[in-house]
Amino acid sequence: MGHGMSSSSPGDTDRRRHATVPGVGPNRGDPGMTHGTAFWFHCSSAVLRRPRLWSTAIRQVSRAVPTRWWTRPPYVPVPDRAYVRFRVETAYGEDAGPRVADVVRYLEWCRATE
């Protein structure tokens, strides 16, 4: 193994780690989420209308959910809000955010590269 290499593979969910970014951590109840429930509802609706994306969406969400999510509030399998906020900000900037079409396009890309 080279420097910084581990023996686990990228798909090894028992050893997966979260990004080491300031402000991203176990605080899953972070109230600073930039996109509300309506945005995620519309994303879910868009995916539900596309059965070919169901397994891809489940796979992508499961990759973003923290390991042992059931041991920390809010005790549901949701991605860390600070992590999602970080990803959205790095992709769109501080004052912008994704559109539902962007999420669908991303899932289509993931499906094509699986």
N, C-alpha and C. Protein backbone atom coordinates (compact mmCIF):
# COMPACT_ATOMS: atom_id res chain seq x y z
N MET A 1 0.83 -1.18 0.00
CA MET A 1 0.00 0.00 0.00
C MET A 1 0.87 1.25 0.00
N GLY A 2 0.44 2.27 -0.72
CA GLY A 2 1.18 3.53 -0.78
C GLY A 2 0.85 4.41 0.40
N HIS A 3 1.40 5.57 0.41
CA HIS A 3 1.14 6.52 1.48
C HIS A 3 -0.32 6.91 1.47
N GLY A 4 -0.95 6.89 2.64
CA GLY A 4 -2.34 7.32 2.77
C GLY A 4 -3.35 6.32 2.25
N MET A 5 -2.91 5.17 1.80
CA MET A 5 -3.83 4.17 1.27
C MET A 5 -4.30 3.29 2.41
N SER A 6 -5.54 2.89 2.36
CA SER A 6 -6.05 1.98 3.37
C SER A 6 -6.39 0.66 2.71
N SER A 7 -6.63 -0.34 3.53
CA SER A 7 -6.94 -1.65 2.98
C SER A 7 -8.40 -1.79 2.61
N SER A 8 -9.24 -0.80 2.93
CA SER A 8 -10.65 -0.90 2.60
C SER A 8 -10.91 -0.35 1.20
N SER A 9 -11.93 -0.88 0.58
CA SER A 9 -12.30 -0.41 -0.74
C SER A 9 -13.30 0.73 -0.60
N PRO A 10 -13.49 1.53 -1.66
CA PRO A 10 -14.43 2.65 -1.57
C PRO A 10 -15.85 2.21 -1.22
N GLY A 11 -16.23 1.00 -1.59
CA GLY A 11 -17.57 0.52 -1.30
C GLY A 11 -17.71 -0.12 0.07
N ASP A 12 -16.65 -0.16 0.85
CA ASP A 12 -16.68 -0.79 2.16
C ASP A 12 -17.41 0.12 3.14
N THR A 13 -18.72 -0.15 3.35
CA THR A 13 -19.53 0.74 4.17
C THR A 13 -19.17 0.68 5.64
N ASP A 14 -18.53 -0.39 6.09
CA ASP A 14 -18.14 -0.46 7.49
C ASP A 14 -17.00 0.50 7.81
N ARG A 15 -16.24 0.88 6.82
CA ARG A 15 -15.09 1.74 7.05
C ARG A 15 -15.21 3.11 6.39
N ARG A 16 -16.36 3.39 5.79
CA ARG A 16 -16.46 4.67 5.09
C ARG A 16 -16.34 5.82 6.08
N ARG A 17 -15.80 6.90 5.60
CA ARG A 17 -15.59 8.06 6.45
C ARG A 17 -16.22 9.26 5.78
N HIS A 18 -16.52 10.26 6.59
CA HIS A 18 -17.09 11.49 6.08
C HIS A 18 -15.97 12.47 5.79
N ALA A 19 -16.26 13.42 4.97
CA ALA A 19 -15.27 14.42 4.61
C ALA A 19 -14.77 15.14 5.85
N THR A 20 -13.49 15.43 5.86
CA THR A 20 -12.92 16.19 6.97
C THR A 20 -12.92 17.66 6.57
N VAL A 21 -14.06 18.26 6.72
CA VAL A 21 -14.27 19.65 6.35
C VAL A 21 -14.74 20.38 7.60
N PRO A 22 -14.19 21.56 7.88
CA PRO A 22 -14.64 22.30 9.06
C PRO A 22 -16.15 22.50 9.03
N GLY A 23 -16.79 22.26 10.15
CA GLY A 23 -18.22 22.45 10.24
C GLY A 23 -19.04 21.26 9.82
N VAL A 24 -18.42 20.21 9.31
CA VAL A 24 -19.15 19.02 8.91
C VAL A 24 -18.88 17.95 9.94
N GLY A 25 -19.91 17.48 10.57
CA GLY A 25 -19.71 16.51 11.62
C GLY A 25 -20.99 15.82 12.02
N PRO A 26 -21.04 15.38 13.26
CA PRO A 26 -22.17 14.58 13.70
C PRO A 26 -23.43 15.38 13.99
N ASN A 27 -23.41 16.70 13.85
CA ASN A 27 -24.58 17.52 14.16
C ASN A 27 -25.60 17.42 13.04
N ARG A 28 -26.44 16.41 13.09
CA ARG A 28 -27.39 16.17 12.03
C ARG A 28 -28.63 17.03 12.16
N GLY A 29 -28.78 17.73 13.26
CA GLY A 29 -29.94 18.58 13.46
C GLY A 29 -29.66 20.03 13.14
N ASP A 30 -28.62 20.29 12.38
CA ASP A 30 -28.22 21.65 12.04
C ASP A 30 -29.36 22.42 11.40
N PRO A 31 -29.84 23.51 12.03
CA PRO A 31 -30.98 24.25 11.49
C PRO A 31 -30.63 25.10 10.28
N GLY A 32 -29.36 25.17 9.89
CA GLY A 32 -28.96 26.04 8.81
C GLY A 32 -29.12 25.44 7.42
N MET A 33 -29.90 24.40 7.28
CA MET A 33 -30.09 23.78 5.97
C MET A 33 -30.66 24.78 4.99
N THR A 34 -30.05 24.86 3.81
CA THR A 34 -30.43 25.89 2.85
C THR A 34 -31.66 25.52 2.03
N HIS A 35 -32.06 24.27 2.01
CA HIS A 35 -33.22 23.86 1.21
C HIS A 35 -34.20 23.16 2.12
N GLY A 36 -35.44 23.59 2.05
CA GLY A 36 -36.45 23.07 2.94
C GLY A 36 -37.09 21.79 2.47
N THR A 37 -38.08 21.41 3.22
CA THR A 37 -38.81 20.17 2.98
C THR A 37 -39.45 20.17 1.59
N ALA A 38 -39.95 21.31 1.13
CA ALA A 38 -40.62 21.37 -0.17
C ALA A 38 -39.66 20.95 -1.30
N PHE A 39 -38.42 21.41 -1.23
CA PHE A 39 -37.44 21.04 -2.26
C PHE A 39 -37.26 19.54 -2.31
N TRP A 40 -37.06 18.92 -1.15
CA TRP A 40 -36.83 17.48 -1.11
C TRP A 40 -38.09 16.70 -1.49
N PHE A 41 -39.27 17.25 -1.16
CA PHE A 41 -40.52 16.62 -1.58
C PHE A 41 -40.60 16.61 -3.11
N HIS A 42 -40.27 17.74 -3.75
CA HIS A 42 -40.32 17.81 -5.21
C HIS A 42 -39.28 16.89 -5.85
N CYS A 43 -38.11 16.79 -5.24
CA CYS A 43 -37.09 15.85 -5.75
C CYS A 43 -37.61 14.42 -5.67
N SER A 44 -38.18 14.07 -4.52
CA SER A 44 -38.71 12.72 -4.34
C SER A 44 -39.81 12.43 -5.36
N SER A 45 -40.69 13.41 -5.57
CA SER A 45 -41.77 13.24 -6.55
C SER A 45 -41.21 13.02 -7.95
N ALA A 46 -40.19 13.79 -8.31
CA ALA A 46 -39.57 13.64 -9.63
C ALA A 46 -38.96 12.26 -9.80
N VAL A 47 -38.33 11.75 -8.75
CA VAL A 47 -37.71 10.42 -8.82
C VAL A 47 -38.80 9.34 -8.86
N LEU A 48 -39.87 9.51 -8.09
CA LEU A 48 -40.95 8.52 -8.10
C LEU A 48 -41.60 8.39 -9.47
N ARG A 49 -41.58 9.45 -10.26
CA ARG A 49 -42.13 9.40 -11.62
C ARG A 49 -41.17 8.74 -12.60
N ARG A 50 -39.97 8.38 -12.15
CA ARG A 50 -38.95 7.76 -13.01
C ARG A 50 -38.47 6.45 -12.38
N PRO A 51 -39.21 5.37 -12.53
CA PRO A 51 -38.84 4.10 -11.89
C PRO A 51 -37.42 3.64 -12.20
N ARG A 52 -36.88 3.99 -13.36
CA ARG A 52 -35.52 3.58 -13.71
C ARG A 52 -34.48 4.21 -12.77
N LEU A 53 -34.86 5.27 -12.05
CA LEU A 53 -33.93 5.94 -11.14
C LEU A 53 -34.09 5.51 -9.68
N TRP A 54 -35.07 4.68 -9.39
CA TRP A 54 -35.34 4.32 -8.00
C TRP A 54 -34.12 3.69 -7.32
N SER A 55 -33.56 2.67 -7.93
CA SER A 55 -32.43 1.99 -7.28
C SER A 55 -31.21 2.92 -7.20
N THR A 56 -31.02 3.75 -8.20
CA THR A 56 -29.90 4.69 -8.18
C THR A 56 -30.08 5.71 -7.06
N ALA A 57 -31.29 6.24 -6.91
CA ALA A 57 -31.56 7.22 -5.86
C ALA A 57 -31.36 6.59 -4.47
N ILE A 58 -31.84 5.38 -4.29
CA ILE A 58 -31.66 4.70 -2.99
C ILE A 58 -30.17 4.49 -2.72
N ARG A 59 -29.43 4.09 -3.72
CA ARG A 59 -28.00 3.88 -3.55
C ARG A 59 -27.28 5.19 -3.19
N GLN A 60 -27.61 6.28 -3.88
CA GLN A 60 -26.95 7.56 -3.62
C GLN A 60 -27.31 8.11 -2.24
N VAL A 61 -28.56 7.99 -1.84
CA VAL A 61 -28.95 8.45 -0.50
C VAL A 61 -28.27 7.60 0.56
N SER A 62 -28.22 6.29 0.35
CA SER A 62 -27.59 5.43 1.37
C SER A 62 -26.11 5.73 1.52
N ARG A 63 -25.46 6.19 0.47
CA ARG A 63 -24.05 6.56 0.56
C ARG A 63 -23.85 7.83 1.37
N ALA A 64 -24.84 8.70 1.39
CA ALA A 64 -24.73 9.97 2.09
C ALA A 64 -25.18 9.90 3.55
N VAL A 65 -25.88 8.82 3.90
CA VAL A 65 -26.37 8.66 5.27
C VAL A 65 -25.22 8.24 6.17
N PRO A 66 -25.07 8.90 7.32
CA PRO A 66 -23.97 8.55 8.23
C PRO A 66 -24.07 7.10 8.73
N THR A 67 -22.92 6.51 8.94
CA THR A 67 -22.86 5.17 9.50
C THR A 67 -23.49 5.19 10.89
N ARG A 68 -24.22 4.15 11.23
CA ARG A 68 -24.89 4.02 12.54
C ARG A 68 -25.81 5.20 12.82
N TRP A 69 -26.58 5.61 11.82
CA TRP A 69 -27.48 6.76 11.94
C TRP A 69 -28.49 6.58 13.07
N TRP A 70 -28.81 5.35 13.40
CA TRP A 70 -29.82 5.09 14.42
C TRP A 70 -29.33 5.40 15.84
N THR A 71 -28.05 5.71 16.00
CA THR A 71 -27.52 6.00 17.33
C THR A 71 -27.51 7.49 17.66
N ARG A 72 -27.90 8.35 16.69
CA ARG A 72 -27.87 9.81 16.89
C ARG A 72 -29.18 10.45 16.45
N PRO A 73 -29.59 11.50 17.15
CA PRO A 73 -30.78 12.23 16.70
C PRO A 73 -30.56 12.75 15.30
N PRO A 74 -31.54 12.79 14.48
CA PRO A 74 -32.97 12.58 14.71
C PRO A 74 -33.41 11.12 14.56
N TYR A 75 -32.50 10.17 14.59
CA TYR A 75 -32.79 8.73 14.55
C TYR A 75 -33.52 8.30 13.28
N VAL A 76 -33.25 8.96 12.18
CA VAL A 76 -33.77 8.58 10.87
C VAL A 76 -32.61 8.62 9.87
N PRO A 77 -32.69 7.82 8.83
CA PRO A 77 -31.57 7.76 7.87
C PRO A 77 -31.55 8.94 6.90
N VAL A 78 -31.09 10.08 7.39
CA VAL A 78 -30.97 11.27 6.55
C VAL A 78 -29.51 11.72 6.52
N PRO A 79 -29.08 12.28 5.40
CA PRO A 79 -27.70 12.78 5.33
C PRO A 79 -27.46 13.91 6.32
N ASP A 80 -26.23 14.07 6.73
CA ASP A 80 -25.84 15.15 7.61
C ASP A 80 -26.13 16.48 6.92
N ARG A 81 -26.89 17.36 7.55
CA ARG A 81 -27.28 18.62 6.93
C ARG A 81 -26.09 19.51 6.62
N ALA A 82 -25.12 19.54 7.52
CA ALA A 82 -23.93 20.36 7.27
C ALA A 82 -23.18 19.85 6.04
N TYR A 83 -23.13 18.54 5.86
CA TYR A 83 -22.48 17.97 4.68
C TYR A 83 -23.23 18.35 3.41
N VAL A 84 -24.56 18.23 3.44
CA VAL A 84 -25.36 18.59 2.28
C VAL A 84 -25.19 20.08 1.97
N ARG A 85 -25.22 20.91 3.00
CA ARG A 85 -25.04 22.35 2.80
C ARG A 85 -23.67 22.64 2.18
N PHE A 86 -22.63 21.96 2.67
CA PHE A 86 -21.29 22.12 2.12
C PHE A 86 -21.26 21.74 0.64
N ARG A 87 -21.85 20.59 0.30
CA ARG A 87 -21.85 20.13 -1.09
C ARG A 87 -22.61 21.09 -2.00
N VAL A 88 -23.76 21.58 -1.54
CA VAL A 88 -24.56 22.52 -2.33
C VAL A 88 -23.80 23.83 -2.51
N GLU A 89 -23.18 24.32 -1.44
CA GLU A 89 -22.45 25.58 -1.53
C GLU A 89 -21.24 25.47 -2.46
N THR A 90 -20.54 24.36 -2.40
CA THR A 90 -19.37 24.21 -3.27
C THR A 90 -19.78 24.03 -4.73
N ALA A 91 -20.96 23.50 -4.96
CA ALA A 91 -21.42 23.31 -6.34
C ALA A 91 -22.08 24.56 -6.92
N TYR A 92 -22.83 25.29 -6.10
CA TYR A 92 -23.65 26.38 -6.61
C TYR A 92 -23.27 27.76 -6.08
N GLY A 93 -22.44 27.82 -5.08
CA GLY A 93 -22.11 29.10 -4.48
C GLY A 93 -22.95 29.36 -3.24
N GLU A 94 -22.61 30.41 -2.55
CA GLU A 94 -23.24 30.70 -1.26
C GLU A 94 -24.72 31.08 -1.37
N ASP A 95 -25.09 31.77 -2.43
CA ASP A 95 -26.44 32.31 -2.53
C ASP A 95 -27.34 31.57 -3.51
N ALA A 96 -26.90 30.45 -4.02
CA ALA A 96 -27.70 29.70 -5.00
C ALA A 96 -27.89 28.28 -4.52
N GLY A 97 -28.71 27.54 -5.24
CA GLY A 97 -28.94 26.16 -4.86
C GLY A 97 -29.40 25.34 -6.04
N PRO A 98 -29.49 24.04 -5.85
CA PRO A 98 -29.86 23.15 -6.94
C PRO A 98 -31.34 23.27 -7.29
N ARG A 99 -31.65 22.84 -8.47
CA ARG A 99 -33.04 22.73 -8.90
C ARG A 99 -33.36 21.23 -8.96
N VAL A 100 -34.62 20.92 -8.97
CA VAL A 100 -35.05 19.52 -9.05
C VAL A 100 -34.47 18.88 -10.31
N ALA A 101 -34.45 19.61 -11.41
CA ALA A 101 -33.90 19.08 -12.66
C ALA A 101 -32.43 18.72 -12.50
N ASP A 102 -31.69 19.47 -11.68
CA ASP A 102 -30.28 19.16 -11.43
C ASP A 102 -30.14 17.82 -10.71
N VAL A 103 -31.01 17.58 -9.76
CA VAL A 103 -30.95 16.33 -9.00
C VAL A 103 -31.27 15.16 -9.92
N VAL A 104 -32.29 15.31 -10.75
CA VAL A 104 -32.66 14.25 -11.70
C VAL A 104 -31.51 14.01 -12.67
N ARG A 105 -30.91 15.07 -13.19
CA ARG A 105 -29.78 14.94 -14.12
C ARG A 105 -28.61 14.22 -13.44
N TYR A 106 -28.33 14.56 -12.20
CA TYR A 106 -27.26 13.90 -11.45
C TYR A 106 -27.55 12.40 -11.31
N LEU A 107 -28.79 12.05 -10.97
CA LEU A 107 -29.13 10.63 -10.82
C LEU A 107 -29.05 9.90 -12.15
N GLU A 108 -29.43 10.57 -13.24
CA GLU A 108 -29.30 9.97 -14.57
C GLU A 108 -27.82 9.70 -14.87
N TRP A 109 -26.96 10.64 -14.51
CA TRP A 109 -25.52 10.47 -14.73
C TRP A 109 -25.00 9.30 -13.90
N CYS A 110 -25.41 9.23 -12.63
CA CYS A 110 -24.98 8.12 -11.76
C CYS A 110 -25.44 6.79 -12.35
N ARG A 111 -26.65 6.73 -12.82
CA ARG A 111 -27.18 5.50 -13.40
C ARG A 111 -26.37 5.08 -14.63
N ALA A 112 -25.99 6.05 -15.44
CA ALA A 112 -25.24 5.76 -16.66
C ALA A 112 -23.82 5.29 -16.35
N THR A 113 -23.28 5.66 -15.21
CA THR A 113 -21.90 5.29 -14.87
C THR A 113 -21.82 4.10 -13.92
N GLU A 114 -22.95 3.52 -13.55
CA GLU A 114 -22.94 2.37 -12.63
C GLU A 114 -22.38 1.13 -13.30
